[in-house]
PDB file of N, CA and C in Angstrom:
ATOM      1  N   UNK A   1      53.765  36.816   7.713  1.00  0.00           N
ATOM      2  CA  UNK A   1      54.374  38.269   7.794  1.00  0.00           C
ATOM      3  C   UNK A   1      55.365  39.236   7.222  1.00  0.00           C
ATOM      4  N   UNK A   2      54.783  39.122   6.273  1.00  0.00           N
ATOM      5  CA  UNK A   2      55.811  40.297   6.089  1.00  0.00           C
ATOM      6  C   UNK A   2      56.410  41.186   6.243  1.00  0.00           C
ATOM      7  N   UNK A   3      57.244  41.402   6.707  1.00  0.00           N
ATOM      8  CA  UNK A   3      57.849  42.943   7.554  1.00  0.00           C
ATOM      9  C   UNK A   3      59.175  43.402   6.795  1.00  0.00           C
ATOM     10  N   UNK A   4      58.734  44.612   6.773  1.00  0.00           N
ATOM     11  CA  UNK A   4      59.983  45.635   5.404  1.00  0.00           C
ATOM     12  C   UNK A   4      59.842  46.667   5.563  1.00  0.00           C
ATOM     13  N   UNK A   5      60.901  46.861   6.669  1.00  0.00           N
ATOM     14  CA  UNK A   5      61.986  48.050   7.314  1.00  0.00           C
ATOM     15  C   UNK A   5      62.214  49.044   5.723  1.00  0.00           C
ATOM     16  N   UNK A   6      61.736  49.896   6.501  1.00  0.00           N
ATOM     17  CA  UNK A   6      61.933  51.288   5.372  1.00  0.00           C
ATOM     18  C   UNK A   6      62.994  52.303   5.844  1.00  0.00           C
ATOM     19  N   UNK A   7      63.594  53.249   5.399  1.00  0.00           N
ATOM     20  CA  UNK A   7      64.306  54.518   5.720  1.00  0.00           C
ATOM     21  C   UNK A   7      63.433  54.895   7.073  1.00  0.00           C
ATOM     22  N   UNK A   8      62.464  54.826   7.203  1.00  0.00           N
ATOM     23  CA  UNK A   8      61.682  56.019   7.845  1.00  0.00           C
ATOM     24  C   UNK A   8      61.791  54.657   9.531  1.00  0.00           C
ATOM     25  N   UNK A   9      61.775  53.864   9.322  1.00  0.00           N
ATOM     26  CA  UNK A   9      62.413  52.623  10.033  1.00  0.00           C
ATOM     27  C   UNK A   9      63.490  52.576  10.821  1.00  0.00           C
ATOM     28  N   UNK A  10      63.995  52.655   9.322  1.00  0.00           N
ATOM     29  CA  UNK A  10      64.931  53.121  10.176  1.00  0.00           C
ATOM     30  C   UNK A  10      65.864  53.414  11.549  1.00  0.00           C
ATOM     31  N   UNK A  11      65.608  54.757  11.328  1.00  0.00           N
ATOM     32  CA  UNK A  11      65.822  56.147  11.727  1.00  0.00           C
ATOM     33  C   UNK A  11      64.897  56.089  13.468  1.00  0.00           C
ATOM     34  N   UNK A  12      63.436  55.463  12.887  1.00  0.00           N
ATOM     35  CA  UNK A  12      63.065  55.099  14.268  1.00  0.00           C
ATOM     36  C   UNK A  12      63.587  54.102  15.264  1.00  0.00           C
ATOM     37  N   UNK A  13      64.389  53.236  15.036  1.00  0.00           N
ATOM     38  CA  UNK A  13      65.217  52.004  15.294  1.00  0.00           C
ATOM     39  C   UNK A  13      66.448  52.687  16.007  1.00  0.00           C
ATOM     40  N   UNK A  14      66.806  53.574  15.274  1.00  0.00           N
ATOM     41  CA  UNK A  14      68.390  54.277  16.108  1.00  0.00           C
ATOM     42  C   UNK A  14      68.081  55.581  16.753  1.00  0.00           C
ATOM     43  N   UNK A  15      66.727  55.866  17.253  1.00  0.00           N
ATOM     44  CA  UNK A  15      66.533  56.576  18.388  1.00  0.00           C
ATOM     45  C   UNK A  15      66.085  55.904  18.821  1.00  0.00           C
ATOM     46  N   UNK A  16      65.379  55.062  18.929  1.00  0.00           N
ATOM     47  CA  UNK A  16      64.829  53.991  20.372  1.00  0.00           C
ATOM     48  C   UNK A  16      66.045  54.039  20.967  1.00  0.00           C
ATOM     49  N   UNK A  17      67.066  53.276  20.148  1.00  0.00           N
ATOM     50  CA  UNK A  17      67.818  52.754  20.828  1.00  0.00           C
ATOM     51  C   UNK A  17      68.930  53.429  21.160  1.00  0.00           C
ATOM     52  N   UNK A  18      69.335  54.651  20.499  1.00  0.00           N
ATOM     53  CA  UNK A  18      69.804  56.315  21.172  1.00  0.00           C
ATOM     54  C   UNK A  18      69.099  56.483  23.415  1.00  0.00           C
ATOM     55  N   UNK A  19      67.583  56.258  22.789  1.00  0.00           N
ATOM     56  CA  UNK A  19      67.231  56.865  24.167  1.00  0.00           C
ATOM     57  C   UNK A  19      67.119  56.018  25.127  1.00  0.00           C
ATOM     58  N   UNK A  20      66.910  54.454  25.004  1.00  0.00           N
ATOM     59  CA  UNK A  20      67.066  53.299  25.420  1.00  0.00           C
ATOM     60  C   UNK A  20      68.264  53.187  25.658  1.00  0.00           C
ATOM     61  N   UNK A  21      69.240  53.390  25.695  1.00  0.00           N
ATOM     62  CA  UNK A  21      70.943  53.746  26.295  1.00  0.00           C
ATOM     63  C   UNK A  21      70.792  54.951  27.173  1.00  0.00           C
ATOM     64  N   UNK A  22      70.417  55.673  26.245  1.00  0.00           N
ATOM     65  CA  UNK A  22      70.597  57.044  27.433  1.00  0.00           C
ATOM     66  C   UNK A  22      69.830  56.241  29.462  1.00  0.00           C
ATOM     67  N   UNK A  23      68.219  55.822  28.830  1.00  0.00           N
ATOM     68  CA  UNK A  23      67.520  56.112  29.834  1.00  0.00           C
ATOM     69  C   UNK A  23      68.614  54.520  31.210  1.00  0.00           C
ATOM     70  N   UNK A  24      68.772  53.753  29.655  1.00  0.00           N
ATOM     71  CA  UNK A  24      69.222  53.019  30.748  1.00  0.00           C
ATOM     72  C   UNK A  24      71.230  53.081  31.631  1.00  0.00           C
ATOM     73  N   UNK A  25      71.811  53.918  31.078  1.00  0.00           N
ATOM     74  CA  UNK A  25      72.900  54.320  31.046  1.00  0.00           C
ATOM     75  C   UNK A  25      72.710  55.583  32.674  1.00  0.00           C
ATOM     76  N   UNK A  26      71.054  56.233  32.392  1.00  0.00           N
ATOM     77  CA  UNK A  26      70.802  57.076  34.100  1.00  0.00           C
ATOM     78  C   UNK A  26      70.620  55.823  34.718  1.00  0.00           C
ATOM     79  N   UNK A  27      69.818  55.123  34.437  1.00  0.00           N
ATOM     80  CA  UNK A  27      69.579  54.491  35.274  1.00  0.00           C
ATOM     81  C   UNK A  27      70.180  53.571  36.383  1.00  0.00           C
ATOM     82  N   UNK A  28      71.567  52.419  35.107  1.00  0.00           N
ATOM     83  CA  UNK A  28      71.631  51.387  36.272  1.00  0.00           C
ATOM     84  C   UNK A  28      73.492  52.041  36.462  1.00  0.00           C
ATOM     85  N   UNK A  29      74.015  53.294  35.742  1.00  0.00           N
ATOM     86  CA  UNK A  29      75.168  53.700  35.620  1.00  0.00           C
ATOM     87  C   UNK A  29      76.049  52.809  35.775  1.00  0.00           C
ATOM     88  N   UNK A  30      76.398  52.571  34.225  1.00  0.00           N
ATOM     89  CA  UNK A  30      77.939  51.430  34.034  1.00  0.00           C
ATOM     90  C   UNK A  30      79.209  51.520  35.002  1.00  0.00           C
ATOM     91  N   UNK A  31      79.937  50.795  35.524  1.00  0.00           N
ATOM     92  CA  UNK A  31      81.505  51.410  35.373  1.00  0.00           C
ATOM     93  C   UNK A  31      82.216  50.299  34.121  1.00  0.00           C
ATOM     94  N   UNK A  32      81.816  49.729  34.143  1.00  0.00           N
ATOM     95  CA  UNK A  32      83.134  48.798  32.955  1.00  0.00           C
ATOM     96  C   UNK A  32      82.564  49.161  30.869  1.00  0.00           C
ATOM     97  N   UNK A  33      83.218  48.604  30.576  1.00  0.00           N
ATOM     98  CA  UNK A  33      83.057  49.548  29.004  1.00  0.00           C
ATOM     99  C   UNK A  33      82.372  47.583  28.689  1.00  0.00           C
ATOM    100  N   UNK A  34      82.356  46.943  29.419  1.00  0.00           N
ATOM    101  CA  UNK A  34      81.532  45.941  29.633  1.00  0.00           C
ATOM    102  C   UNK A  34      79.758  45.910  29.510  1.00  0.00           C
ATOM    103  N   UNK A  35      79.735  46.684  30.556  1.00  0.00           N
ATOM    104  CA  UNK A  35      78.703  47.061  31.359  1.00  0.00           C
ATOM    105  C   UNK A  35      78.396  47.953  30.241  1.00  0.00           C
ATOM    106  N   UNK A  36      79.177  49.675  28.950  1.00  0.00           N
ATOM    107  CA  UNK A  36      78.556  49.710  28.077  1.00  0.00           C
ATOM    108  C   UNK A  36      77.882  49.158  27.125  1.00  0.00           C
ATOM    109  N   UNK A  37      78.601  47.903  27.607  1.00  0.00           N
ATOM    110  CA  UNK A  37      78.263  47.161  25.429  1.00  0.00           C
ATOM    111  C   UNK A  37      77.339  46.439  25.549  1.00  0.00           C
ATOM    112  N   UNK A  38      76.632  45.616  27.007  1.00  0.00           N
ATOM    113  CA  UNK A  38      75.990  45.166  27.241  1.00  0.00           C
ATOM    114  C   UNK A  38      74.088  45.986  27.064  1.00  0.00           C
ATOM    115  N   UNK A  39      74.883  47.119  27.932  1.00  0.00           N
ATOM    116  CA  UNK A  39      73.313  48.390  27.262  1.00  0.00           C
ATOM    117  C   UNK A  39      73.440  48.292  26.350  1.00  0.00           C
ATOM    118  N   UNK A  40      73.867  48.915  25.534  1.00  0.00           N
ATOM    119  CA  UNK A  40      74.113  49.646  24.324  1.00  0.00           C
ATOM    120  C   UNK A  40      73.575  47.670  23.139  1.00  0.00           C
ATOM    121  N   UNK A  41      73.745  46.142  23.819  1.00  0.00           N
ATOM    122  CA  UNK A  41      72.987  45.921  22.874  1.00  0.00           C
ATOM    123  C   UNK A  41      71.879  45.747  23.362  1.00  0.00           C
ATOM    124  N   UNK A  42      71.392  45.711  25.026  1.00  0.00           N
ATOM    125  CA  UNK A  42      70.127  45.535  25.173  1.00  0.00           C
ATOM    126  C   UNK A  42      69.330  46.519  24.582  1.00  0.00           C
ATOM    127  N   UNK A  43      69.533  47.620  24.278  1.00  0.00           N
ATOM    128  CA  UNK A  43      68.586  49.293  24.419  1.00  0.00           C
ATOM    129  C   UNK A  43      68.454  48.948  22.738  1.00  0.00           C
ATOM    130  N   UNK A  44      69.205  48.761  21.509  1.00  0.00           N
ATOM    131  CA  UNK A  44      69.313  48.086  20.344  1.00  0.00           C
ATOM    132  C   UNK A  44      68.109  46.899  20.059  1.00  0.00           C
ATOM    133  N   UNK A  45      68.002  46.030  20.829  1.00  0.00           N
ATOM    134  CA  UNK A  45      67.566  44.971  20.682  1.00  0.00           C
ATOM    135  C   UNK A  45      65.903  45.022  20.576  1.00  0.00           C
ATOM    136  N   UNK A  46      66.090  46.058  22.486  1.00  0.00           N
ATOM    137  CA  UNK A  46      64.691  46.736  22.235  1.00  0.00           C
ATOM    138  C   UNK A  46      64.208  47.319  21.202  1.00  0.00           C
ATOM    139  N   UNK A  47      64.604  48.201  20.564  1.00  0.00           N
ATOM    140  CA  UNK A  47      64.455  49.012  19.384  1.00  0.00           C
ATOM    141  C   UNK A  47      63.699  47.986  18.348  1.00  0.00           C
ATOM    142  N   UNK A  48      64.896  47.623  18.195  1.00  0.00           N
ATOM    143  CA  UNK A  48      64.106  46.670  17.134  1.00  0.00           C
ATOM    144  C   UNK A  48      62.855  45.861  17.387  1.00  0.00           C
ATOM    145  N   UNK A  49      62.896  45.458  18.397  1.00  0.00           N
ATOM    146  CA  UNK A  49      61.653  45.150  18.345  1.00  0.00           C
ATOM    147  C   UNK A  49      60.340  46.145  19.056  1.00  0.00           C
ATOM    148  N   UNK A  50      60.949  46.975  19.456  1.00  0.00           N
ATOM    149  CA  UNK A  50      59.198  48.262  19.245  1.00  0.00           C
ATOM    150  C   UNK A  50      59.580  48.549  17.871  1.00  0.00           C
ATOM    151  N   UNK A  51      60.428  48.813  16.997  1.00  0.00           N
ATOM    152  CA  UNK A  51      59.959  48.790  15.653  1.00  0.00           C
ATOM    153  C   UNK A  51      59.040  47.520  14.936  1.00  0.00           C
ATOM    154  N   UNK A  52      59.595  46.719  15.218  1.00  0.00           N
ATOM    155  CA  UNK A  52      59.052  44.986  14.792  1.00  0.00           C
ATOM    156  C   UNK A  52      57.771  45.594  15.138  1.00  0.00           C
ATOM    157  N   UNK A  53      57.529  45.288  16.062  1.00  0.00           N
ATOM    158  CA  UNK A  53      56.560  45.144  17.134  1.00  0.00           C
ATOM    159  C   UNK A  53      55.399  46.815  16.478  1.00  0.00           C
ATOM    160  N   UNK A  54      55.331  47.894  16.159  1.00  0.00           N
ATOM    161  CA  UNK A  54      54.867  48.631  16.069  1.00  0.00           C
ATOM    162  C   UNK A  54      54.454  48.408  13.906  1.00  0.00           C
ATOM    163  N   UNK A  55      55.577  47.929  13.389  1.00  0.00           N
ATOM    164  CA  UNK A  55      55.101  47.808  11.864  1.00  0.00           C
ATOM    165  C   UNK A  55      53.974  46.589  11.808  1.00  0.00           C
ATOM    166  N   UNK A  56      54.499  45.064  12.884  1.00  0.00           N
ATOM    167  CA  UNK A  56      53.409  43.932  12.974  1.00  0.00           C
ATOM    168  C   UNK A  56      52.056  45.414  12.627  1.00  0.00           C
ATOM    169  N   UNK A  57      51.959  46.139  13.943  1.00  0.00           N
ATOM    170  CA  UNK A  57      50.620  46.523  13.801  1.00  0.00           C
ATOM    171  C   UNK A  57      49.790  47.079  13.085  1.00  0.00           C
ATOM    172  N   UNK A  58      50.302  48.359  12.368  1.00  0.00           N
ATOM    173  CA  UNK A  58      50.174  49.129  11.645  1.00  0.00           C
ATOM    174  C   UNK A  58      49.531  47.761  10.058  1.00  0.00           C
ATOM    175  N   UNK A  59      50.784  46.991   9.616  1.00  0.00           N
ATOM    176  CA  UNK A  59      50.304  46.157   8.173  1.00  0.00           C
ATOM    177  C   UNK A  59      49.535  45.245   8.353  1.00  0.00           C
TER     178      UNK A  59
END
């Protein structure tokens, strides 16, 4: 399985990460900077996984 990320994929990753971070922030309302960092990392990991999964399905 070869995965090739192009510009549109990177934009999708960023958009999904921002949306995920916003939804997590609304849901859990972190009070510390560590909570915000953990949410951002989780949102980015989920966004990358979503784009890779879509790329695998389309390819």
